[in-house]
């Protein structure tokens, strides 16, 4: 990280958005930190229309909570979910 910051920013006191965009490893560190230690436990939504999820009928107007911690611990979404690995964010398909 220090090497990347030194190469992109150097001794500058004023940093531009363009320079921040070049800090790719720093961005991966932030993403991985937020994945593991997100500021919110989940997302609350109200179902707009009826749908089927995992074989269960979810009626319209049902209050849903998508639990962040459950998702990040699921190997369906992340390989080695308990491991701090900023390199997992090299592929931006997440």
N, C-alpha and C. Protein backbone atom coordinates (compact mmCIF):
# COMPACT_ATOMS: atom_id res chain seq x y z
N UNK A 1 0.83 -1.19 0.00
CA UNK A 1 0.00 0.00 0.00
C UNK A 1 0.87 1.25 0.00
N UNK A 2 1.87 1.25 0.86
CA UNK A 2 2.76 2.41 0.94
C UNK A 2 3.44 2.66 -0.40
N UNK A 3 3.89 1.58 -1.03
CA UNK A 3 4.56 1.72 -2.33
C UNK A 3 3.60 2.32 -3.36
N UNK A 4 2.35 1.85 -3.38
CA UNK A 4 1.38 2.37 -4.33
C UNK A 4 1.12 3.86 -4.08
N UNK A 5 0.94 4.23 -2.82
CA UNK A 5 0.70 5.64 -2.48
C UNK A 5 1.90 6.49 -2.85
N UNK A 6 3.10 5.99 -2.54
CA UNK A 6 4.31 6.74 -2.89
C UNK A 6 4.43 6.95 -4.39
N UNK A 7 4.10 5.92 -5.18
CA UNK A 7 4.22 6.02 -6.63
C UNK A 7 3.16 6.95 -7.23
N UNK A 8 1.94 6.89 -6.73
CA UNK A 8 0.85 7.66 -7.32
C UNK A 8 0.79 9.08 -6.76
N UNK A 9 0.96 9.22 -5.45
CA UNK A 9 0.79 10.50 -4.78
C UNK A 9 2.12 11.22 -4.56
N UNK A 10 3.12 10.45 -4.15
CA UNK A 10 4.42 11.06 -3.86
C UNK A 10 4.32 12.02 -2.69
N UNK A 11 4.88 13.20 -2.84
CA UNK A 11 4.90 14.21 -1.77
C UNK A 11 3.80 15.26 -1.92
N UNK A 12 2.87 15.04 -2.82
CA UNK A 12 1.82 16.04 -3.06
C UNK A 12 0.94 16.23 -1.83
N UNK A 13 0.54 17.46 -1.59
CA UNK A 13 -0.39 17.74 -0.50
C UNK A 13 -1.82 17.74 -0.98
N UNK A 14 -2.04 18.12 -2.24
CA UNK A 14 -3.37 18.13 -2.83
C UNK A 14 -3.49 16.93 -3.76
N UNK A 15 -4.52 16.12 -3.53
CA UNK A 15 -4.70 14.90 -4.31
C UNK A 15 -5.96 15.06 -5.16
N UNK A 16 -5.85 14.69 -6.43
CA UNK A 16 -6.99 14.79 -7.35
C UNK A 16 -7.78 13.48 -7.37
N UNK A 17 -8.99 13.55 -7.87
CA UNK A 17 -9.81 12.35 -8.03
C UNK A 17 -9.14 11.37 -8.98
N UNK A 18 -8.49 11.88 -10.00
CA UNK A 18 -7.78 11.04 -10.95
C UNK A 18 -6.70 10.22 -10.25
N UNK A 19 -5.98 10.85 -9.34
CA UNK A 19 -4.94 10.13 -8.59
C UNK A 19 -5.55 9.10 -7.65
N UNK A 20 -6.65 9.46 -7.00
CA UNK A 20 -7.33 8.49 -6.12
C UNK A 20 -7.79 7.27 -6.91
N UNK A 21 -8.27 7.48 -8.12
CA UNK A 21 -8.72 6.37 -8.96
C UNK A 21 -7.59 5.42 -9.32
N UNK A 22 -6.36 5.88 -9.26
CA UNK A 22 -5.21 5.04 -9.57
C UNK A 22 -4.76 4.19 -8.39
N UNK A 23 -5.30 4.43 -7.21
CA UNK A 23 -4.92 3.67 -6.02
C UNK A 23 -5.75 2.38 -5.96
N UNK A 24 -5.43 1.46 -6.86
CA UNK A 24 -6.21 0.24 -7.03
C UNK A 24 -6.12 -0.68 -5.82
N UNK A 25 -4.92 -0.84 -5.27
CA UNK A 25 -4.78 -1.72 -4.12
C UNK A 25 -5.51 -1.14 -2.91
N UNK A 26 -5.45 0.17 -2.73
CA UNK A 26 -6.17 0.80 -1.63
C UNK A 26 -7.67 0.57 -1.77
N UNK A 27 -8.18 0.65 -2.98
CA UNK A 27 -9.61 0.41 -3.21
C UNK A 27 -9.97 -1.03 -2.83
N UNK A 28 -9.10 -1.99 -3.19
CA UNK A 28 -9.35 -3.39 -2.83
C UNK A 28 -9.32 -3.58 -1.31
N UNK A 29 -8.42 -2.88 -0.62
CA UNK A 29 -8.37 -2.95 0.84
C UNK A 29 -9.66 -2.43 1.46
N UNK A 30 -10.16 -1.30 0.96
CA UNK A 30 -11.42 -0.75 1.47
C UNK A 30 -12.58 -1.71 1.23
N UNK A 31 -12.66 -2.27 0.01
CA UNK A 31 -13.75 -3.19 -0.31
C UNK A 31 -13.74 -4.42 0.59
N UNK A 32 -12.55 -4.97 0.80
CA UNK A 32 -12.45 -6.17 1.63
C UNK A 32 -12.75 -5.86 3.09
N UNK A 33 -12.31 -4.71 3.57
CA UNK A 33 -12.61 -4.31 4.94
C UNK A 33 -14.11 -4.12 5.12
N UNK A 34 -14.75 -3.45 4.17
CA UNK A 34 -16.20 -3.24 4.26
C UNK A 34 -16.97 -4.55 4.10
N UNK A 35 -16.42 -5.49 3.32
CA UNK A 35 -17.07 -6.80 3.19
C UNK A 35 -17.11 -7.49 4.55
N UNK A 36 -16.00 -7.49 5.25
CA UNK A 36 -15.91 -8.20 6.53
C UNK A 36 -16.49 -7.42 7.70
N UNK A 37 -16.35 -6.12 7.67
CA UNK A 37 -16.75 -5.29 8.81
C UNK A 37 -17.65 -4.15 8.37
N UNK A 38 -18.68 -4.49 7.63
CA UNK A 38 -19.59 -3.47 7.11
C UNK A 38 -20.27 -2.68 8.22
N UNK A 39 -20.60 -1.44 7.95
CA UNK A 39 -21.21 -0.59 8.97
C UNK A 39 -22.66 -0.95 9.28
N UNK A 40 -23.30 -1.73 8.42
CA UNK A 40 -24.70 -2.10 8.64
C UNK A 40 -24.82 -3.62 8.69
N UNK A 41 -25.70 -4.12 9.53
CA UNK A 41 -25.90 -5.56 9.65
C UNK A 41 -26.71 -6.14 8.52
N UNK A 42 -27.51 -5.32 7.88
CA UNK A 42 -28.34 -5.82 6.80
C UNK A 42 -29.08 -4.69 6.10
N UNK A 43 -29.86 -5.09 5.12
CA UNK A 43 -30.64 -4.13 4.33
C UNK A 43 -32.11 -4.50 4.50
N UNK A 44 -32.94 -3.53 4.78
CA UNK A 44 -34.38 -3.74 4.93
C UNK A 44 -35.10 -3.33 3.65
N UNK A 45 -35.99 -4.17 3.20
CA UNK A 45 -36.78 -3.88 2.00
C UNK A 45 -38.20 -4.38 2.20
N UNK A 46 -39.13 -3.82 1.46
CA UNK A 46 -40.50 -4.34 1.40
C UNK A 46 -40.71 -4.87 0.00
N UNK A 47 -41.14 -6.10 -0.07
CA UNK A 47 -41.32 -6.79 -1.34
C UNK A 47 -42.42 -6.09 -2.16
N UNK A 48 -42.09 -5.65 -3.35
CA UNK A 48 -43.05 -4.92 -4.20
C UNK A 48 -44.11 -5.84 -4.80
N UNK A 49 -43.72 -7.07 -5.14
CA UNK A 49 -44.69 -8.01 -5.70
C UNK A 49 -44.33 -9.42 -5.24
N UNK A 50 -45.28 -10.29 -5.31
CA UNK A 50 -45.08 -11.67 -4.88
C UNK A 50 -44.02 -12.35 -5.74
N UNK A 51 -43.20 -13.19 -5.11
CA UNK A 51 -42.23 -13.97 -5.86
C UNK A 51 -41.89 -15.25 -5.09
N UNK A 52 -41.19 -16.16 -5.76
CA UNK A 52 -40.77 -17.42 -5.15
C UNK A 52 -39.26 -17.35 -4.95
N UNK A 53 -38.81 -17.63 -3.73
CA UNK A 53 -37.38 -17.64 -3.42
C UNK A 53 -37.06 -18.96 -2.71
N UNK A 54 -36.17 -19.74 -3.31
CA UNK A 54 -35.75 -21.02 -2.71
C UNK A 54 -36.95 -21.91 -2.40
N UNK A 55 -37.96 -21.86 -3.25
CA UNK A 55 -39.14 -22.69 -3.07
C UNK A 55 -40.19 -22.12 -2.13
N UNK A 56 -39.95 -20.95 -1.58
CA UNK A 56 -40.91 -20.31 -0.67
C UNK A 56 -41.61 -19.15 -1.37
N UNK A 57 -42.94 -19.08 -1.19
CA UNK A 57 -43.71 -17.98 -1.75
C UNK A 57 -43.59 -16.78 -0.81
N UNK A 58 -43.14 -15.67 -1.35
CA UNK A 58 -43.01 -14.43 -0.59
C UNK A 58 -44.11 -13.48 -1.08
N UNK A 59 -45.12 -13.20 -0.25
CA UNK A 59 -46.21 -12.33 -0.69
C UNK A 59 -45.75 -10.88 -0.88
N UNK A 60 -46.48 -10.15 -1.69
CA UNK A 60 -46.22 -8.72 -1.85
C UNK A 60 -46.37 -8.03 -0.49
N UNK A 61 -45.65 -6.95 -0.30
CA UNK A 61 -45.66 -6.14 0.93
C UNK A 61 -45.04 -6.83 2.14
N UNK A 62 -44.31 -7.93 1.92
CA UNK A 62 -43.60 -8.60 3.01
C UNK A 62 -42.35 -7.81 3.34
N UNK A 63 -42.10 -7.62 4.63
CA UNK A 63 -40.88 -6.95 5.10
C UNK A 63 -39.73 -7.96 5.01
N UNK A 64 -38.68 -7.61 4.29
CA UNK A 64 -37.52 -8.49 4.12
C UNK A 64 -36.28 -7.86 4.73
N UNK A 65 -35.44 -8.69 5.31
CA UNK A 65 -34.13 -8.21 5.77
C UNK A 65 -33.07 -9.09 5.14
N UNK A 66 -32.20 -8.48 4.38
CA UNK A 66 -31.08 -9.19 3.77
C UNK A 66 -29.90 -9.04 4.73
N UNK A 67 -29.50 -10.13 5.33
CA UNK A 67 -28.49 -10.10 6.38
C UNK A 67 -27.08 -10.13 5.77
N UNK A 68 -26.37 -9.04 5.91
CA UNK A 68 -25.04 -8.87 5.34
C UNK A 68 -24.07 -9.95 5.83
N UNK A 69 -24.01 -10.18 7.12
CA UNK A 69 -23.05 -11.13 7.69
C UNK A 69 -23.27 -12.54 7.16
N UNK A 70 -24.52 -12.94 6.96
CA UNK A 70 -24.81 -14.27 6.43
C UNK A 70 -24.31 -14.39 5.00
N UNK A 71 -24.46 -13.34 4.23
CA UNK A 71 -24.02 -13.38 2.83
C UNK A 71 -22.51 -13.45 2.71
N UNK A 72 -21.79 -12.67 3.51
CA UNK A 72 -20.33 -12.66 3.37
C UNK A 72 -19.70 -13.94 3.90
N UNK A 73 -20.42 -14.70 4.71
CA UNK A 73 -19.88 -15.95 5.26
C UNK A 73 -20.23 -17.15 4.38
N UNK A 74 -20.92 -16.93 3.28
CA UNK A 74 -21.39 -18.00 2.42
C UNK A 74 -20.41 -18.22 1.26
N UNK A 75 -19.90 -19.45 1.16
CA UNK A 75 -18.95 -19.77 0.09
C UNK A 75 -19.59 -19.71 -1.29
N UNK A 76 -20.91 -19.64 -1.34
CA UNK A 76 -21.59 -19.46 -2.63
C UNK A 76 -21.23 -18.09 -3.22
N UNK A 77 -20.96 -17.12 -2.36
CA UNK A 77 -20.66 -15.77 -2.81
C UNK A 77 -19.17 -15.43 -2.75
N UNK A 78 -18.44 -16.00 -1.78
CA UNK A 78 -17.02 -15.67 -1.61
C UNK A 78 -16.24 -16.93 -1.28
N UNK A 79 -15.18 -17.21 -2.05
CA UNK A 79 -14.26 -18.28 -1.70
C UNK A 79 -13.53 -17.89 -0.42
N UNK A 80 -13.35 -18.85 0.47
CA UNK A 80 -12.68 -18.60 1.75
C UNK A 80 -13.22 -17.32 2.40
N UNK A 81 -14.50 -17.32 2.74
CA UNK A 81 -15.15 -16.09 3.21
C UNK A 81 -14.58 -15.51 4.50
N UNK A 82 -13.94 -16.33 5.34
CA UNK A 82 -13.39 -15.82 6.60
C UNK A 82 -12.00 -15.23 6.44
N UNK A 83 -11.43 -15.37 5.26
CA UNK A 83 -10.07 -14.89 5.01
C UNK A 83 -10.10 -13.45 4.52
N UNK A 84 -9.24 -12.61 5.10
CA UNK A 84 -9.07 -11.24 4.61
C UNK A 84 -8.20 -11.31 3.37
N UNK A 85 -8.79 -11.04 2.20
CA UNK A 85 -8.08 -11.20 0.94
C UNK A 85 -8.46 -10.10 -0.04
N UNK A 86 -7.75 -8.97 0.00
CA UNK A 86 -8.06 -7.87 -0.92
C UNK A 86 -7.92 -8.26 -2.39
N UNK A 87 -7.14 -9.30 -2.67
CA UNK A 87 -6.94 -9.72 -4.06
C UNK A 87 -8.21 -10.28 -4.68
N UNK A 88 -9.19 -10.66 -3.87
CA UNK A 88 -10.44 -11.19 -4.42
C UNK A 88 -11.18 -10.12 -5.24
N UNK A 89 -10.81 -8.85 -5.06
CA UNK A 89 -11.49 -7.75 -5.74
C UNK A 89 -10.80 -7.35 -7.04
N UNK A 90 -9.81 -8.11 -7.48
CA UNK A 90 -9.18 -7.81 -8.77
C UNK A 90 -10.20 -8.00 -9.88
N UNK A 91 -11.01 -9.03 -9.78
CA UNK A 91 -12.09 -9.27 -10.74
C UNK A 91 -13.30 -8.48 -10.28
N UNK A 92 -13.71 -7.47 -11.00
CA UNK A 92 -14.78 -6.57 -10.58
C UNK A 92 -16.18 -7.13 -10.81
N UNK A 93 -16.32 -8.43 -11.08
CA UNK A 93 -17.64 -9.02 -11.30
C UNK A 93 -18.41 -9.24 -10.01
N UNK A 94 -17.92 -8.81 -8.88
CA UNK A 94 -18.59 -9.02 -7.59
C UNK A 94 -19.59 -7.94 -7.34
